[in-house]
Amino acid sequence: MAAVLKRAVRPALALLALAAPAAACPYCALSQGKDTLVYIAAFLVAPYLLVSGTWMVIRHILQAERAGKP
């Protein structure tokens, strides 16, 4: 349960940490549409999801090989 919580918290912390530079200029941050912020969030979360998914598939393959499954 704790590992799952860590996996959920890390992307949220990354978004919070990287959102600070966007908020540095209030005019710029407020003039951007919500769709721009969604794109930024997607660009931040997509690599995490891709790496996590790949890691899980590789782990599953290795476990299958250890069990002797073809």
Protein backbone atom coordinates (compact mmCIF):
# COMPACT_ATOMS: atom_id res chain seq x y z
CA MET A 1 0.00 0.00 0.00
CA ALA A 2 2.83 2.39 0.84
CA ALA A 3 4.53 1.71 -2.50
CA VAL A 4 1.32 2.47 -4.36
CA LEU A 5 0.95 5.68 -2.41
CA LYS A 6 4.53 6.67 -3.26
CA ARG A 7 3.85 6.03 -6.94
CA ALA A 8 0.79 8.26 -6.81
CA VAL A 9 2.47 11.04 -4.84
CA ARG A 10 5.62 11.37 -6.95
CA PRO A 11 3.91 12.72 -10.11
CA ALA A 12 1.84 15.10 -8.01
CA LEU A 13 4.97 16.42 -6.30
CA ALA A 14 6.69 16.80 -9.66
CA LEU A 15 3.75 18.84 -10.94
CA LEU A 16 3.83 21.04 -7.87
CA ALA A 17 7.59 21.54 -8.05
CA LEU A 18 7.59 22.35 -11.74
CA ALA A 19 4.49 24.54 -11.56
CA ALA A 20 6.36 27.13 -9.46
CA PRO A 21 8.33 28.51 -12.45
CA ALA A 22 5.08 28.89 -14.38
CA ALA A 23 3.64 30.90 -11.50
CA ALA A 24 6.72 33.14 -11.29
CA CYS A 25 5.21 35.53 -13.79
CA PRO A 26 1.58 36.12 -12.77
CA TYR A 27 0.73 37.82 -16.07
CA CYS A 28 2.05 34.86 -18.07
CA ALA A 29 0.41 32.29 -15.84
CA LEU A 30 -2.97 33.99 -15.92
CA SER A 31 -2.92 34.72 -19.63
CA GLN A 32 -2.46 31.06 -20.50
CA GLY A 33 -5.56 29.04 -21.13
CA LYS A 34 -6.40 25.95 -19.15
CA ASP A 35 -5.67 23.81 -22.18
CA THR A 36 -2.02 24.93 -22.04
CA LEU A 37 -1.77 23.84 -18.43
CA VAL A 38 -3.32 20.49 -19.35
CA TYR A 39 -0.68 20.05 -22.07
CA ILE A 40 2.09 20.88 -19.60
CA ALA A 41 0.68 18.41 -17.08
CA ALA A 42 0.44 15.73 -19.77
CA PHE A 43 4.06 16.30 -20.79
CA LEU A 44 5.12 15.91 -17.17
CA VAL A 45 3.06 12.81 -16.42
CA ALA A 46 3.45 10.94 -19.74
CA PRO A 47 7.15 10.02 -19.28
CA TYR A 48 6.45 8.79 -15.76
CA LEU A 49 3.62 6.57 -17.02
CA LEU A 50 5.71 5.28 -19.92
CA VAL A 51 8.68 4.39 -17.74
CA SER A 52 6.48 2.85 -15.03
CA GLY A 53 4.57 0.76 -17.57
CA THR A 54 7.76 -0.45 -19.21
CA TRP A 55 9.26 -1.29 -15.84
CA MET A 56 6.18 -3.34 -14.87
CA VAL A 57 6.23 -5.27 -18.16
CA ILE A 58 9.94 -6.06 -17.80
CA ARG A 59 9.40 -7.13 -14.20
CA HIS A 60 6.53 -9.42 -15.30
CA ILE A 61 8.72 -10.97 -18.01
CA LEU A 62 11.55 -11.59 -15.56
CA GLN A 63 9.20 -13.19 -13.04
CA ALA A 64 7.81 -15.45 -15.76
CA GLU A 65 11.33 -16.50 -16.76
CA ARG A 66 12.22 -17.28 -13.15
CA ALA A 67 9.11 -19.44 -12.84
CA GLY A 68 10.18 -21.38 -15.94
CA LYS A 69 7.33 -20.27 -18.14
CA PRO A 70 8.11 -19.83 -21.84
